[in-house]
Amino acid sequence: VLGLLVWTLIAGTEYFLYPAFGWVMFVAVFYWVLTVFFLIIYMTMTYTRIPQVPWTTVGLCFNGSAFILYLIAAIVDASAVTKELDSHNYNSWAASSFFACVVTSCYAGNTYFSFISWRSRTLQ
């Protein structure tokens, strides 16, 4: 839901005039789609039907890459927001910057828990 907020707040503005927001949109939409995809896989328990895939490693790689790219996107988003821009765009972009930071912290926590799960699987 928070990732959806990031890209809808940016998509409702003239983000295409500023390349920095294009990067933030790419990261937000890409990881939102992948998160929904993995959510469906876990909700339907499809992962039990494909035991050849190391799901703990996949989860760790996914969450780790999401954390790193969202961190970069949040920094880019926050640095691109200036008061000189249109006030409607300013408010939306400032809110998207805040939610990008929140999503980054969520993926950081998820990366930590994925690492704990991955480490416990490799020790067995």
N, C-alpha and C. Protein backbone atom coordinates (compact mmCIF):
# COMPACT_ATOMS: atom_id res chain seq x y z
N VAL A 1 0.83 -1.19 0.00
CA VAL A 1 0.00 0.00 0.00
C VAL A 1 0.88 1.26 0.00
N LEU A 2 1.94 1.25 0.78
CA LEU A 2 2.81 2.43 0.85
C LEU A 2 3.56 2.65 -0.46
N GLY A 3 3.98 1.58 -1.10
CA GLY A 3 4.63 1.70 -2.40
C GLY A 3 3.67 2.24 -3.45
N LEU A 4 2.41 1.83 -3.35
CA LEU A 4 1.38 2.34 -4.25
C LEU A 4 1.21 3.85 -4.05
N LEU A 5 1.28 4.30 -2.82
CA LEU A 5 1.19 5.74 -2.54
C LEU A 5 2.34 6.51 -3.17
N VAL A 6 3.54 5.93 -3.14
CA VAL A 6 4.70 6.62 -3.69
C VAL A 6 4.49 6.91 -5.16
N TRP A 7 4.12 5.88 -5.92
CA TRP A 7 4.02 6.14 -7.35
C TRP A 7 2.74 6.84 -7.77
N THR A 8 1.66 6.72 -7.01
CA THR A 8 0.47 7.47 -7.39
C THR A 8 0.62 8.96 -7.07
N LEU A 9 1.33 9.29 -5.99
CA LEU A 9 1.57 10.70 -5.70
C LEU A 9 2.43 11.37 -6.77
N ILE A 10 3.36 10.62 -7.32
CA ILE A 10 4.20 11.18 -8.39
C ILE A 10 3.46 11.16 -9.72
N ALA A 11 2.73 10.09 -9.99
CA ALA A 11 2.04 9.95 -11.28
C ALA A 11 0.96 11.00 -11.48
N GLY A 12 0.44 11.57 -10.41
CA GLY A 12 -0.58 12.60 -10.52
C GLY A 12 -0.02 13.98 -10.86
N THR A 13 1.27 14.08 -11.10
CA THR A 13 1.90 15.36 -11.40
C THR A 13 2.60 15.29 -12.75
N GLU A 14 3.28 16.36 -13.11
CA GLU A 14 4.04 16.40 -14.36
C GLU A 14 5.47 15.89 -14.11
N TYR A 15 5.57 14.67 -13.62
CA TYR A 15 6.87 14.10 -13.25
C TYR A 15 7.78 13.90 -14.44
N PHE A 16 7.21 13.73 -15.63
CA PHE A 16 8.00 13.42 -16.82
C PHE A 16 8.90 14.59 -17.23
N LEU A 17 8.67 15.77 -16.68
CA LEU A 17 9.53 16.91 -16.97
C LEU A 17 10.84 16.86 -16.19
N TYR A 18 10.90 16.02 -15.18
CA TYR A 18 12.08 15.92 -14.32
C TYR A 18 12.57 14.46 -14.31
N PRO A 19 13.75 14.20 -14.86
CA PRO A 19 14.24 12.82 -14.95
C PRO A 19 14.37 12.11 -13.61
N ALA A 20 14.63 12.83 -12.55
CA ALA A 20 14.78 12.19 -11.23
C ALA A 20 13.50 11.48 -10.82
N PHE A 21 12.37 12.09 -11.10
CA PHE A 21 11.10 11.47 -10.73
C PHE A 21 10.77 10.27 -11.62
N GLY A 22 11.32 10.25 -12.83
CA GLY A 22 11.17 9.08 -13.69
C GLY A 22 11.83 7.86 -13.06
N TRP A 23 13.01 8.06 -12.46
CA TRP A 23 13.72 6.97 -11.77
C TRP A 23 12.91 6.48 -10.57
N VAL A 24 12.38 7.42 -9.81
CA VAL A 24 11.59 7.05 -8.63
C VAL A 24 10.35 6.28 -9.07
N MET A 25 9.71 6.72 -10.15
CA MET A 25 8.54 6.01 -10.68
C MET A 25 8.90 4.59 -11.10
N PHE A 26 10.04 4.44 -11.78
CA PHE A 26 10.46 3.11 -12.22
C PHE A 26 10.63 2.18 -11.03
N VAL A 27 11.37 2.63 -10.03
CA VAL A 27 11.62 1.79 -8.85
C VAL A 27 10.32 1.48 -8.13
N ALA A 28 9.47 2.48 -7.93
CA ALA A 28 8.24 2.28 -7.19
C ALA A 28 7.29 1.33 -7.91
N VAL A 29 7.10 1.50 -9.20
CA VAL A 29 6.18 0.63 -9.94
C VAL A 29 6.76 -0.77 -10.08
N PHE A 30 8.06 -0.86 -10.37
CA PHE A 30 8.69 -2.17 -10.54
C PHE A 30 8.58 -3.01 -9.27
N TYR A 31 8.93 -2.42 -8.14
CA TYR A 31 8.87 -3.20 -6.90
C TYR A 31 7.45 -3.37 -6.38
N TRP A 32 6.54 -2.48 -6.74
CA TRP A 32 5.15 -2.70 -6.37
C TRP A 32 4.59 -3.91 -7.11
N VAL A 33 4.88 -4.01 -8.41
CA VAL A 33 4.41 -5.16 -9.20
C VAL A 33 5.04 -6.45 -8.68
N LEU A 34 6.34 -6.44 -8.42
CA LEU A 34 6.99 -7.65 -7.91
C LEU A 34 6.48 -8.04 -6.53
N THR A 35 6.21 -7.05 -5.69
CA THR A 35 5.69 -7.34 -4.35
C THR A 35 4.30 -7.98 -4.45
N VAL A 36 3.46 -7.46 -5.32
CA VAL A 36 2.13 -8.06 -5.52
C VAL A 36 2.28 -9.47 -6.08
N PHE A 37 3.23 -9.67 -6.99
CA PHE A 37 3.48 -11.00 -7.55
C PHE A 37 3.88 -11.99 -6.45
N PHE A 38 4.84 -11.60 -5.60
CA PHE A 38 5.26 -12.49 -4.52
C PHE A 38 4.17 -12.67 -3.47
N LEU A 39 3.37 -11.65 -3.25
CA LEU A 39 2.25 -11.78 -2.33
C LEU A 39 1.26 -12.83 -2.82
N ILE A 40 0.98 -12.82 -4.11
CA ILE A 40 0.07 -13.81 -4.68
C ILE A 40 0.68 -15.21 -4.57
N ILE A 41 1.97 -15.32 -4.83
CA ILE A 41 2.64 -16.63 -4.71
C ILE A 41 2.53 -17.16 -3.28
N TYR A 42 2.75 -16.29 -2.30
CA TYR A 42 2.69 -16.73 -0.91
C TYR A 42 1.26 -16.95 -0.42
N MET A 43 0.33 -16.14 -0.88
CA MET A 43 -1.07 -16.31 -0.45
C MET A 43 -1.68 -17.59 -1.02
N THR A 44 -1.31 -17.94 -2.25
CA THR A 44 -1.84 -19.16 -2.86
C THR A 44 -0.99 -20.38 -2.55
N MET A 45 0.10 -20.18 -1.80
CA MET A 45 1.03 -21.24 -1.42
C MET A 45 1.61 -21.96 -2.64
N THR A 46 1.79 -21.23 -3.71
CA THR A 46 2.39 -21.77 -4.93
C THR A 46 3.83 -22.20 -4.68
N TYR A 47 4.49 -21.56 -3.75
CA TYR A 47 5.89 -21.89 -3.46
C TYR A 47 6.05 -23.33 -2.99
N THR A 48 5.00 -23.94 -2.42
CA THR A 48 5.11 -25.33 -1.99
C THR A 48 5.10 -26.28 -3.17
N ARG A 49 4.56 -25.83 -4.29
CA ARG A 49 4.52 -26.67 -5.49
C ARG A 49 5.80 -26.58 -6.32
N ILE A 50 6.67 -25.63 -5.98
CA ILE A 50 7.93 -25.46 -6.69
C ILE A 50 9.07 -25.54 -5.68
N PRO A 51 9.38 -26.73 -5.19
CA PRO A 51 10.41 -26.85 -4.14
C PRO A 51 11.84 -26.67 -4.66
N GLN A 52 12.02 -26.68 -5.99
CA GLN A 52 13.37 -26.53 -6.55
C GLN A 52 13.91 -25.12 -6.36
N VAL A 53 13.03 -24.16 -6.17
CA VAL A 53 13.44 -22.76 -6.01
C VAL A 53 13.80 -22.52 -4.54
N PRO A 54 14.98 -21.97 -4.29
CA PRO A 54 15.35 -21.65 -2.90
C PRO A 54 14.65 -20.35 -2.46
N TRP A 55 13.45 -20.48 -1.94
CA TRP A 55 12.60 -19.32 -1.68
C TRP A 55 13.18 -18.37 -0.64
N THR A 56 13.93 -18.89 0.32
CA THR A 56 14.53 -17.98 1.32
C THR A 56 15.60 -17.11 0.66
N THR A 57 16.36 -17.68 -0.26
CA THR A 57 17.38 -16.90 -0.98
C THR A 57 16.72 -15.90 -1.92
N VAL A 58 15.66 -16.32 -2.59
CA VAL A 58 14.92 -15.42 -3.49
C VAL A 58 14.35 -14.24 -2.69
N GLY A 59 13.78 -14.54 -1.53
CA GLY A 59 13.23 -13.48 -0.69
C GLY A 59 14.30 -12.53 -0.19
N LEU A 60 15.45 -13.06 0.18
CA LEU A 60 16.55 -12.22 0.65
C LEU A 60 17.05 -11.33 -0.48
N CYS A 61 17.24 -11.88 -1.65
CA CYS A 61 17.71 -11.08 -2.80
C CYS A 61 16.69 -10.02 -3.20
N PHE A 62 15.42 -10.41 -3.22
CA PHE A 62 14.37 -9.46 -3.57
C PHE A 62 14.31 -8.31 -2.56
N ASN A 63 14.24 -8.64 -1.29
CA ASN A 63 14.13 -7.60 -0.27
C ASN A 63 15.40 -6.74 -0.19
N GLY A 64 16.55 -7.36 -0.35
CA GLY A 64 17.80 -6.60 -0.32
C GLY A 64 17.91 -5.64 -1.50
N SER A 65 17.55 -6.10 -2.69
CA SER A 65 17.61 -5.21 -3.85
C SER A 65 16.55 -4.12 -3.75
N ALA A 66 15.37 -4.47 -3.22
CA ALA A 66 14.33 -3.46 -3.05
C ALA A 66 14.78 -2.39 -2.05
N PHE A 67 15.42 -2.82 -0.97
CA PHE A 67 15.92 -1.86 0.02
C PHE A 67 16.95 -0.91 -0.60
N ILE A 68 17.91 -1.45 -1.32
CA ILE A 68 18.97 -0.62 -1.89
C ILE A 68 18.42 0.34 -2.94
N LEU A 69 17.60 -0.17 -3.86
CA LEU A 69 17.08 0.70 -4.91
C LEU A 69 16.06 1.70 -4.37
N TYR A 70 15.26 1.30 -3.39
CA TYR A 70 14.33 2.25 -2.78
C TYR A 70 15.08 3.31 -1.97
N LEU A 71 16.18 2.94 -1.35
CA LEU A 71 17.00 3.92 -0.63
C LEU A 71 17.53 4.97 -1.60
N ILE A 72 18.05 4.52 -2.73
CA ILE A 72 18.53 5.45 -3.75
C ILE A 72 17.38 6.31 -4.27
N ALA A 73 16.23 5.68 -4.54
CA ALA A 73 15.08 6.42 -5.06
C ALA A 73 14.57 7.43 -4.04
N ALA A 74 14.58 7.07 -2.76
CA ALA A 74 14.11 8.01 -1.74
C ALA A 74 15.05 9.20 -1.63
N ILE A 75 16.33 8.96 -1.74
CA ILE A 75 17.30 10.07 -1.70
C ILE A 75 17.14 10.96 -2.92
N VAL A 76 16.99 10.34 -4.09
CA VAL A 76 16.78 11.11 -5.33
C VAL A 76 15.48 11.90 -5.24
N ASP A 77 14.44 11.26 -4.75
CA ASP A 77 13.14 11.92 -4.61
C ASP A 77 13.22 13.11 -3.67
N ALA A 78 13.85 12.93 -2.53
CA ALA A 78 13.96 14.02 -1.56
C ALA A 78 14.83 15.16 -2.07
N SER A 79 15.88 14.83 -2.80
CA SER A 79 16.77 15.88 -3.29
C SER A 79 16.18 16.63 -4.49
N ALA A 80 15.23 16.03 -5.20
CA ALA A 80 14.64 16.68 -6.37
C ALA A 80 13.49 17.62 -6.00
N VAL A 81 12.97 17.51 -4.80
CA VAL A 81 11.86 18.36 -4.38
C VAL A 81 12.40 19.70 -3.94
N THR A 82 11.97 20.76 -4.62
CA THR A 82 12.36 22.11 -4.25
C THR A 82 11.12 22.98 -4.17
N LYS A 83 11.18 24.01 -3.41
CA LYS A 83 10.04 24.92 -3.22
C LYS A 83 9.77 25.73 -4.49
N GLU A 84 10.76 25.85 -5.37
CA GLU A 84 10.59 26.63 -6.59
C GLU A 84 9.56 26.02 -7.53
N LEU A 85 9.32 24.74 -7.39
CA LEU A 85 8.39 24.05 -8.28
C LEU A 85 6.95 24.42 -7.94
N ASP A 86 6.05 24.05 -8.84
CA ASP A 86 4.62 24.31 -8.65
C ASP A 86 4.16 23.75 -7.30
N SER A 87 3.30 24.49 -6.59
CA SER A 87 2.93 24.10 -5.22
C SER A 87 2.18 22.77 -5.18
N HIS A 88 1.32 22.51 -6.16
CA HIS A 88 0.63 21.22 -6.19
C HIS A 88 1.64 20.09 -6.35
N ASN A 89 2.56 20.26 -7.27
CA ASN A 89 3.60 19.25 -7.47
C ASN A 89 4.48 19.15 -6.24
N TYR A 90 4.79 20.28 -5.62
CA TYR A 90 5.64 20.28 -4.43
C TYR A 90 5.03 19.43 -3.32
N ASN A 91 3.76 19.62 -3.04
CA ASN A 91 3.10 18.87 -1.97
C ASN A 91 3.07 17.38 -2.29
N SER A 92 2.75 17.03 -3.51
CA SER A 92 2.70 15.62 -3.90
C SER A 92 4.08 14.98 -3.85
N TRP A 93 5.08 15.71 -4.35
CA TRP A 93 6.42 15.16 -4.37
C TRP A 93 7.01 15.07 -2.96
N ALA A 94 6.70 16.02 -2.11
CA ALA A 94 7.17 15.95 -0.72
C ALA A 94 6.53 14.76 -0.01
N ALA A 95 5.25 14.54 -0.24
CA ALA A 95 4.57 13.38 0.36
C ALA A 95 5.14 12.08 -0.19
N SER A 96 5.41 12.04 -1.49
CA SER A 96 6.00 10.82 -2.06
C SER A 96 7.38 10.56 -1.50
N SER A 97 8.12 11.62 -1.22
CA SER A 97 9.45 11.47 -0.62
C SER A 97 9.34 10.87 0.78
N PHE A 98 8.38 11.35 1.55
CA PHE A 98 8.16 10.81 2.90
C PHE A 98 7.79 9.33 2.82
N PHE A 99 6.84 8.98 1.95
CA PHE A 99 6.42 7.59 1.86
C PHE A 99 7.51 6.70 1.26
N ALA A 100 8.36 7.25 0.40
CA ALA A 100 9.49 6.47 -0.10
C ALA A 100 10.44 6.11 1.03
N CYS A 101 10.63 7.03 1.97
CA CYS A 101 11.46 6.73 3.14
C CYS A 101 10.81 5.67 4.02
N VAL A 102 9.50 5.74 4.17
CA VAL A 102 8.78 4.73 4.96
C VAL A 102 8.89 3.36 4.29
N VAL A 103 8.70 3.32 2.97
CA VAL A 103 8.81 2.05 2.24
C VAL A 103 10.23 1.50 2.35
N THR A 104 11.21 2.39 2.28
CA THR A 104 12.61 1.96 2.42
C THR A 104 12.84 1.30 3.77
N SER A 105 12.30 1.89 4.82
CA SER A 105 12.48 1.29 6.14
C SER A 105 11.73 -0.04 6.25
N CYS A 106 10.59 -0.16 5.60
CA CYS A 106 9.86 -1.44 5.61
C CYS A 106 10.66 -2.52 4.89
N TYR A 107 11.23 -2.18 3.74
CA TYR A 107 12.06 -3.16 3.03
C TYR A 107 13.33 -3.48 3.81
N ALA A 108 13.87 -2.51 4.55
CA ALA A 108 15.05 -2.77 5.38
C ALA A 108 14.72 -3.79 6.46
N GLY A 109 13.59 -3.61 7.12
CA GLY A 109 13.16 -4.57 8.13
C GLY A 109 12.90 -5.94 7.53
N ASN A 110 12.27 -5.96 6.38
CA ASN A 110 12.00 -7.22 5.70
C ASN A 110 13.29 -7.90 5.27
N THR A 111 14.28 -7.11 4.86
CA THR A 111 15.58 -7.68 4.50
C THR A 111 16.23 -8.32 5.72
N TYR A 112 16.15 -7.66 6.85
CA TYR A 112 16.71 -8.21 8.08
C TYR A 112 16.06 -9.56 8.42
N PHE A 113 14.74 -9.60 8.40
CA PHE A 113 14.05 -10.85 8.73
C PHE A 113 14.30 -11.93 7.67
N SER A 114 14.43 -11.53 6.41
CA SER A 114 14.77 -12.50 5.36
C SER A 114 16.17 -13.05 5.58
N PHE A 115 17.08 -12.20 6.03
CA PHE A 115 18.43 -12.66 6.31
C PHE A 115 18.45 -13.64 7.46
N ILE A 116 17.70 -13.37 8.51
CA ILE A 116 17.60 -14.29 9.65
C ILE A 116 17.04 -15.63 9.19
N SER A 117 16.01 -15.59 8.38
CA SER A 117 15.41 -16.84 7.85
C SER A 117 16.40 -17.58 6.96
N TRP A 118 17.10 -16.84 6.08
CA TRP A 118 18.06 -17.46 5.19
C TRP A 118 19.21 -18.08 5.96
N ARG A 119 19.70 -17.38 6.99
CA ARG A 119 20.82 -17.90 7.78
C ARG A 119 20.41 -19.14 8.56
N SER A 120 19.19 -19.17 9.07
CA SER A 120 18.75 -20.36 9.80
C SER A 120 18.58 -21.56 8.86
N ARG A 121 18.23 -21.29 7.62
CA ARG A 121 18.11 -22.39 6.64
C ARG A 121 19.46 -22.92 6.24
N THR A 122 20.46 -22.05 6.10
CA THR A 122 21.79 -22.50 5.67
C THR A 122 22.54 -23.19 6.79
N LEU A 123 22.20 -22.91 8.05
CA LEU A 123 22.88 -23.56 9.16
C LEU A 123 22.39 -24.98 9.40
N GLN A 124 21.23 -25.30 8.88
CA GLN A 124 20.67 -26.63 9.11
C GLN A 124 21.30 -27.68 8.24
